[in-house]
């Protein structure tokens, strides 16, 4: 993790292996090269232990969590952190870079000609997210703090941001597909939009 200020300057950076409490799958190990033996050593902390060390052996105070697909990371961090606000660079990229081939971190790095980082390494991915955030914020016409405040309030979407109907007006998407999406892990904006459309057709 890194700490940034409102101007996206890096104030601090921390990196450690974590003891996950579950076995590491062969597929995951092939990607990042970390084995069960690596994380079962005595000096490797749990996620709670690591966060307490970062906070000076005290729980970290309220934070704004910024991730590429923040909903995924939040499920692991929410039990251990006081998350006051959050911002998703994946959702920002989908909204403000609609012409990108896709919105994976590696693709966006090439699309925006960002500096290379170590792939499939935690700090490499995090620094890529920092660089991506620095590229995205000017495209939005808002400051980072304004984006964080805006993210707390869902807004209507008019074009589908991903999937088989990417780029299509949301009102033209089949109702059964919209209903299926409501059972998936989707952004607050898309959920709000689909719920408002459902109300309109009642």
C-alpha atoms as a PDB file:
ATOM      1  CA  UNK A   1       0.000   0.000   0.000  1.00  0.00           C
ATOM      2  CA  UNK A   2       1.013   3.607  -0.485  1.00  0.00           C
ATOM      3  CA  UNK A   3      -0.260   6.774   1.147  1.00  0.00           C
ATOM      4  CA  UNK A   4      -0.906   9.758  -1.115  1.00  0.00           C
ATOM      5  CA  UNK A   5      -1.988  13.338  -0.541  1.00  0.00           C
ATOM      6  CA  UNK A   6      -4.694  15.244  -2.393  1.00  0.00           C
ATOM      7  CA  UNK A   7      -2.202  16.073  -5.179  1.00  0.00           C
ATOM      8  CA  UNK A   8      -1.317  12.368  -5.643  1.00  0.00           C
ATOM      9  CA  UNK A   9       2.136  12.771  -4.147  1.00  0.00           C
ATOM     10  CA  UNK A  10       3.338   9.543  -2.497  1.00  0.00           C
ATOM     11  CA  UNK A  11       3.889  10.162   1.224  1.00  0.00           C
ATOM     12  CA  UNK A  12       4.781   6.623   2.267  1.00  0.00           C
ATOM     13  CA  UNK A  13       4.958   3.089   0.920  1.00  0.00           C
ATOM     14  CA  UNK A  14       4.757  -0.297   2.650  1.00  0.00           C
ATOM     15  CA  UNK A  15       5.149  -3.786   1.241  1.00  0.00           C
ATOM     16  CA  UNK A  16       5.102  -7.187   2.919  1.00  0.00           C
ATOM     17  CA  UNK A  17       4.080 -10.753   2.307  1.00  0.00           C
ATOM     18  CA  UNK A  18       0.920 -11.729   4.176  1.00  0.00           C
ATOM     19  CA  UNK A  19      -0.147 -14.977   5.771  1.00  0.00           C
ATOM     20  CA  UNK A  20      -3.474 -15.540   3.946  1.00  0.00           C
ATOM     21  CA  UNK A  21      -4.888 -18.314   6.128  1.00  0.00           C
ATOM     22  CA  UNK A  22      -5.774 -20.383   3.049  1.00  0.00           C
ATOM     23  CA  UNK A  23      -3.634 -22.423   0.620  1.00  0.00           C
ATOM     24  CA  UNK A  24      -2.182 -20.653  -2.422  1.00  0.00           C
ATOM     25  CA  UNK A  25      -3.482 -22.259  -5.609  1.00  0.00           C
ATOM     26  CA  UNK A  26      -1.091 -23.548  -8.268  1.00  0.00           C
ATOM     27  CA  UNK A  27      -2.515 -21.099 -10.788  1.00  0.00           C
ATOM     28  CA  UNK A  28      -1.909 -18.120  -8.515  1.00  0.00           C
ATOM     29  CA  UNK A  29       1.601 -19.310  -7.689  1.00  0.00           C
ATOM     30  CA  UNK A  30       2.460 -19.545 -11.387  1.00  0.00           C
ATOM     31  CA  UNK A  31       1.497 -15.874 -11.786  1.00  0.00           C
ATOM     32  CA  UNK A  32       3.169 -14.262  -8.770  1.00  0.00           C
ATOM     33  CA  UNK A  33       5.719 -16.901  -7.748  1.00  0.00           C
ATOM     34  CA  UNK A  34       4.713 -16.928  -4.057  1.00  0.00           C
ATOM     35  CA  UNK A  35       4.364 -20.352  -2.396  1.00  0.00           C
ATOM     36  CA  UNK A  36       2.767 -21.573   0.823  1.00  0.00           C
ATOM     37  CA  UNK A  37       6.260 -21.990   2.274  1.00  0.00           C
ATOM     38  CA  UNK A  38       6.997 -18.306   1.609  1.00  0.00           C
ATOM     39  CA  UNK A  39       4.040 -17.087   3.666  1.00  0.00           C
ATOM     40  CA  UNK A  40       4.129 -19.616   6.513  1.00  0.00           C
ATOM     41  CA  UNK A  41       7.389 -18.297   8.000  1.00  0.00           C
ATOM     42  CA  UNK A  42       7.104 -16.859  11.526  1.00  0.00           C
ATOM     43  CA  UNK A  43       8.023 -13.329  10.461  1.00  0.00           C
ATOM     44  CA  UNK A  44       5.204 -13.109   7.901  1.00  0.00           C
ATOM     45  CA  UNK A  45       2.245 -11.238   9.460  1.00  0.00           C
ATOM     46  CA  UNK A  46      -1.488 -11.647   9.007  1.00  0.00           C
ATOM     47  CA  UNK A  47      -3.284  -8.752   7.324  1.00  0.00           C
ATOM     48  CA  UNK A  48      -4.382  -7.409  10.730  1.00  0.00           C
ATOM     49  CA  UNK A  49      -0.832  -7.629  12.067  1.00  0.00           C
ATOM     50  CA  UNK A  50       0.595  -5.859   9.032  1.00  0.00           C
ATOM     51  CA  UNK A  51      -1.907  -3.003   9.226  1.00  0.00           C
ATOM     52  CA  UNK A  52      -1.183  -2.520  12.920  1.00  0.00           C
ATOM     53  CA  UNK A  53       2.543  -2.371  12.189  1.00  0.00           C
ATOM     54  CA  UNK A  54       1.960   0.250   9.491  1.00  0.00           C
ATOM     55  CA  UNK A  55      -0.146   2.288  11.922  1.00  0.00           C
ATOM     56  CA  UNK A  56       2.536   2.162  14.621  1.00  0.00           C
ATOM     57  CA  UNK A  57       0.855  -0.773  16.397  1.00  0.00           C
ATOM     58  CA  UNK A  58      -2.402   1.199  16.518  1.00  0.00           C
ATOM     59  CA  UNK A  59      -5.371   0.702  14.183  1.00  0.00           C
ATOM     60  CA  UNK A  60      -5.160   3.007  11.174  1.00  0.00           C
ATOM     61  CA  UNK A  61      -7.656   5.879  11.291  1.00  0.00           C
ATOM     62  CA  UNK A  62     -10.334   6.556   8.661  1.00  0.00           C
ATOM     63  CA  UNK A  63      -8.987   6.184   5.134  1.00  0.00           C
ATOM     64  CA  UNK A  64     -10.089   6.624   1.549  1.00  0.00           C
ATOM     65  CA  UNK A  65      -9.410   3.343  -0.239  1.00  0.00           C
ATOM     66  CA  UNK A  66      -8.316   3.756  -3.873  1.00  0.00           C
ATOM     67  CA  UNK A  67      -7.925   0.579  -5.952  1.00  0.00           C
ATOM     68  CA  UNK A  68      -8.333  -0.735  -9.472  1.00  0.00           C
ATOM     69  CA  UNK A  69     -11.619  -2.599  -8.890  1.00  0.00           C
ATOM     70  CA  UNK A  70     -12.080  -1.349  -5.355  1.00  0.00           C
ATOM     71  CA  UNK A  71     -14.965  -3.727  -4.611  1.00  0.00           C
ATOM     72  CA  UNK A  72     -12.609  -6.710  -4.895  1.00  0.00           C
ATOM     73  CA  UNK A  73      -9.979  -5.329  -2.501  1.00  0.00           C
ATOM     74  CA  UNK A  74     -12.542  -3.929  -0.083  1.00  0.00           C
ATOM     75  CA  UNK A  75     -13.870  -7.393   0.802  1.00  0.00           C
ATOM     76  CA  UNK A  76     -10.458  -8.316   2.260  1.00  0.00           C
ATOM     77  CA  UNK A  77      -9.676  -4.954   3.874  1.00  0.00           C
ATOM     78  CA  UNK A  78     -13.048  -3.855   5.260  1.00  0.00           C
ATOM     79  CA  UNK A  79     -12.882  -6.108   8.364  1.00  0.00           C
ATOM     80  CA  UNK A  80      -9.556  -4.503   9.334  1.00  0.00           C
ATOM     81  CA  UNK A  81      -9.783  -0.871   8.220  1.00  0.00           C
ATOM     82  CA  UNK A  82     -12.097   2.049   8.837  1.00  0.00           C
ATOM     83  CA  UNK A  83     -12.920   2.855   5.229  1.00  0.00           C
ATOM     84  CA  UNK A  84     -14.478   6.315   5.157  1.00  0.00           C
ATOM     85  CA  UNK A  85     -14.556   6.701   1.379  1.00  0.00           C
ATOM     86  CA  UNK A  86     -13.405   4.864  -1.728  1.00  0.00           C
ATOM     87  CA  UNK A  87     -12.519   5.534  -5.334  1.00  0.00           C
ATOM     88  CA  UNK A  88     -12.222   3.007  -8.157  1.00  0.00           C
ATOM     89  CA  UNK A  89      -9.709   3.658 -10.941  1.00  0.00           C
ATOM     90  CA  UNK A  90     -11.327   0.868 -12.988  1.00  0.00           C
ATOM     91  CA  UNK A  91     -14.647   2.730 -13.017  1.00  0.00           C
ATOM     92  CA  UNK A  92     -12.895   6.036 -13.784  1.00  0.00           C
ATOM     93  CA  UNK A  93     -11.044   4.419 -16.681  1.00  0.00           C
ATOM     94  CA  UNK A  94     -14.216   2.870 -18.078  1.00  0.00           C
ATOM     95  CA  UNK A  95     -15.932   6.256 -17.970  1.00  0.00           C
ATOM     96  CA  UNK A  96     -13.142   8.497 -19.219  1.00  0.00           C
ATOM     97  CA  UNK A  97     -11.200   6.133 -21.504  1.00  0.00           C
ATOM     98  CA  UNK A  98     -14.004   4.464 -23.495  1.00  0.00           C
ATOM     99  CA  UNK A  99     -11.733   3.882 -26.494  1.00  0.00           C
ATOM    100  CA  UNK A 100      -9.187   1.762 -24.608  1.00  0.00           C
ATOM    101  CA  UNK A 101      -9.074  -1.853 -25.895  1.00  0.00           C
ATOM    102  CA  UNK A 102      -9.990  -2.966 -22.365  1.00  0.00           C
ATOM    103  CA  UNK A 103      -9.488  -1.561 -18.894  1.00  0.00           C
ATOM    104  CA  UNK A 104      -6.985  -3.985 -17.388  1.00  0.00           C
ATOM    105  CA  UNK A 105      -4.031  -2.318 -15.694  1.00  0.00           C
ATOM    106  CA  UNK A 106      -1.485  -3.636 -18.186  1.00  0.00           C
ATOM    107  CA  UNK A 107      -3.566  -2.524 -21.163  1.00  0.00           C
ATOM    108  CA  UNK A 108      -4.068   0.952 -19.703  1.00  0.00           C
ATOM    109  CA  UNK A 109      -0.346   1.284 -19.027  1.00  0.00           C
ATOM    110  CA  UNK A 110       0.350   0.715 -22.729  1.00  0.00           C
ATOM    111  CA  UNK A 111      -2.640   2.785 -23.903  1.00  0.00           C
ATOM    112  CA  UNK A 112      -1.544   5.804 -21.826  1.00  0.00           C
ATOM    113  CA  UNK A 113       2.202   5.184 -22.275  1.00  0.00           C
ATOM    114  CA  UNK A 114       2.749   5.037 -18.513  1.00  0.00           C
ATOM    115  CA  UNK A 115       6.071   4.023 -16.985  1.00  0.00           C
ATOM    116  CA  UNK A 116       6.683   0.246 -16.854  1.00  0.00           C
ATOM    117  CA  UNK A 117       6.306  -1.380 -13.432  1.00  0.00           C
ATOM    118  CA  UNK A 118       7.065  -4.870 -12.162  1.00  0.00           C
ATOM    119  CA  UNK A 119       4.113  -7.006 -13.282  1.00  0.00           C
ATOM    120  CA  UNK A 120       2.231  -9.293 -10.870  1.00  0.00           C
ATOM    121  CA  UNK A 121       4.012  -7.716  -7.901  1.00  0.00           C
ATOM    122  CA  UNK A 122       1.989  -5.828  -5.306  1.00  0.00           C
ATOM    123  CA  UNK A 123       4.102  -2.667  -5.290  1.00  0.00           C
ATOM    124  CA  UNK A 124       4.421  -2.662  -9.072  1.00  0.00           C
ATOM    125  CA  UNK A 125       0.638  -2.804  -9.452  1.00  0.00           C
ATOM    126  CA  UNK A 126       0.122  -0.134  -6.797  1.00  0.00           C
ATOM    127  CA  UNK A 127       2.556   2.304  -8.394  1.00  0.00           C
ATOM    128  CA  UNK A 128       0.840   1.679 -11.719  1.00  0.00           C
ATOM    129  CA  UNK A 129      -2.485   2.600 -10.081  1.00  0.00           C
ATOM    130  CA  UNK A 130      -0.871   5.807  -8.757  1.00  0.00           C
ATOM    131  CA  UNK A 131       0.362   6.669 -12.271  1.00  0.00           C
ATOM    132  CA  UNK A 132      -3.043   5.805 -13.721  1.00  0.00           C
ATOM    133  CA  UNK A 133      -4.768   8.043 -11.175  1.00  0.00           C
ATOM    134  CA  UNK A 134      -2.431  10.909 -12.105  1.00  0.00           C
ATOM    135  CA  UNK A 135      -3.409  10.425 -15.761  1.00  0.00           C
ATOM    136  CA  UNK A 136      -7.142  10.038 -15.124  1.00  0.00           C
ATOM    137  CA  UNK A 137      -7.816  12.939 -12.742  1.00  0.00           C
ATOM    138  CA  UNK A 138      -7.103  15.678 -15.328  1.00  0.00           C
ATOM    139  CA  UNK A 139      -9.428  13.937 -17.807  1.00  0.00           C
ATOM    140  CA  UNK A 140     -12.339  14.214 -15.380  1.00  0.00           C
ATOM    141  CA  UNK A 141     -12.189  17.998 -14.979  1.00  0.00           C
ATOM    142  CA  UNK A 142     -12.311  17.528 -11.206  1.00  0.00           C
ATOM    143  CA  UNK A 143      -9.824  17.371  -8.374  1.00  0.00           C
ATOM    144  CA  UNK A 144      -9.074  14.114  -6.594  1.00  0.00           C
ATOM    145  CA  UNK A 145     -11.042  15.275  -3.560  1.00  0.00           C
ATOM    146  CA  UNK A 146     -14.031  16.183  -5.750  1.00  0.00           C
ATOM    147  CA  UNK A 147     -13.912  12.735  -7.365  1.00  0.00           C
ATOM    148  CA  UNK A 148     -13.910  11.083  -3.939  1.00  0.00           C
ATOM    149  CA  UNK A 149     -16.902  13.169  -2.869  1.00  0.00           C
ATOM    150  CA  UNK A 150     -18.689  12.405  -6.138  1.00  0.00           C
ATOM    151  CA  UNK A 151     -18.032   8.669  -5.749  1.00  0.00           C
ATOM    152  CA  UNK A 152     -20.031   8.712  -2.528  1.00  0.00           C
ATOM    153  CA  UNK A 153     -23.134   9.726  -4.504  1.00  0.00           C
ATOM    154  CA  UNK A 154     -24.270   7.350  -7.258  1.00  0.00           C
ATOM    155  CA  UNK A 155     -25.118   8.931 -10.603  1.00  0.00           C
ATOM    156  CA  UNK A 156     -27.010   7.829 -13.696  1.00  0.00           C
ATOM    157  CA  UNK A 157     -25.113   6.141 -16.522  1.00  0.00           C
ATOM    158  CA  UNK A 158     -26.357   6.320 -20.077  1.00  0.00           C
ATOM    159  CA  UNK A 159     -23.924   4.000 -21.866  1.00  0.00           C
ATOM    160  CA  UNK A 160     -22.962   0.473 -20.812  1.00  0.00           C
ATOM    161  CA  UNK A 161     -19.301   0.660 -19.655  1.00  0.00           C
ATOM    162  CA  UNK A 162     -18.258  -2.980 -20.226  1.00  0.00           C
ATOM    163  CA  UNK A 163     -19.291  -6.443 -21.389  1.00  0.00           C
ATOM    164  CA  UNK A 164     -21.091  -7.603 -24.493  1.00  0.00           C
ATOM    165  CA  UNK A 165     -23.156  -4.389 -24.653  1.00  0.00           C
ATOM    166  CA  UNK A 166     -20.234  -2.020 -24.054  1.00  0.00           C
ATOM    167  CA  UNK A 167     -20.912   1.378 -25.669  1.00  0.00           C
ATOM    168  CA  UNK A 168     -24.638   0.690 -26.135  1.00  0.00           C
ATOM    169  CA  UNK A 169     -27.304   2.891 -24.515  1.00  0.00           C
ATOM    170  CA  UNK A 170     -28.314   1.206 -21.278  1.00  0.00           C
ATOM    171  CA  UNK A 171     -31.989   1.679 -22.165  1.00  0.00           C
ATOM    172  CA  UNK A 172     -31.447  -0.544 -25.247  1.00  0.00           C
ATOM    173  CA  UNK A 173     -30.038  -3.465 -23.243  1.00  0.00           C
ATOM    174  CA  UNK A 174     -32.473  -6.411 -22.830  1.00  0.00           C
ATOM    175  CA  UNK A 175     -34.358  -6.343 -19.539  1.00  0.00           C
ATOM    176  CA  UNK A 176     -33.331  -9.895 -18.622  1.00  0.00           C
ATOM    177  CA  UNK A 177     -29.654  -8.925 -18.968  1.00  0.00           C
ATOM    178  CA  UNK A 178     -30.184  -5.817 -16.821  1.00  0.00           C
ATOM    179  CA  UNK A 179     -31.881  -7.951 -14.168  1.00  0.00           C
ATOM    180  CA  UNK A 180     -29.006 -10.441 -14.286  1.00  0.00           C
ATOM    181  CA  UNK A 181     -26.514  -7.624 -13.758  1.00  0.00           C
ATOM    182  CA  UNK A 182     -28.288  -6.608 -10.547  1.00  0.00           C
ATOM    183  CA  UNK A 183     -27.276  -9.950  -9.036  1.00  0.00           C
ATOM    184  CA  UNK A 184     -23.595  -9.348  -9.907  1.00  0.00           C
ATOM    185  CA  UNK A 185     -20.859  -7.275  -8.260  1.00  0.00           C
ATOM    186  CA  UNK A 186     -21.224  -3.988 -10.143  1.00  0.00           C
ATOM    187  CA  UNK A 187     -20.403  -0.351  -9.478  1.00  0.00           C
ATOM    188  CA  UNK A 188     -22.758   1.798  -7.357  1.00  0.00           C
ATOM    189  CA  UNK A 189     -23.439   3.980 -10.419  1.00  0.00           C
ATOM    190  CA  UNK A 190     -24.502   1.037 -12.578  1.00  0.00           C
ATOM    191  CA  UNK A 191     -26.609  -0.460  -9.777  1.00  0.00           C
ATOM    192  CA  UNK A 192     -28.301   2.892  -9.193  1.00  0.00           C
ATOM    193  CA  UNK A 193     -28.965   3.283 -12.945  1.00  0.00           C
ATOM    194  CA  UNK A 194     -30.447  -0.207 -13.326  1.00  0.00           C
ATOM    195  CA  UNK A 195     -32.644   0.226 -10.257  1.00  0.00           C
ATOM    196  CA  UNK A 196     -33.927   3.563 -11.526  1.00  0.00           C
ATOM    197  CA  UNK A 197     -34.697   2.003 -14.937  1.00  0.00           C
ATOM    198  CA  UNK A 198     -36.516  -0.870 -13.231  1.00  0.00           C
ATOM    199  CA  UNK A 199     -38.687   1.654 -11.337  1.00  0.00           C
ATOM    200  CA  UNK A 200     -39.487   3.473 -14.574  1.00  0.00           C
ATOM    201  CA  UNK A 201     -40.888   0.278 -16.117  1.00  0.00           C
ATOM    202  CA  UNK A 202     -42.990  -0.802 -13.122  1.00  0.00           C
END
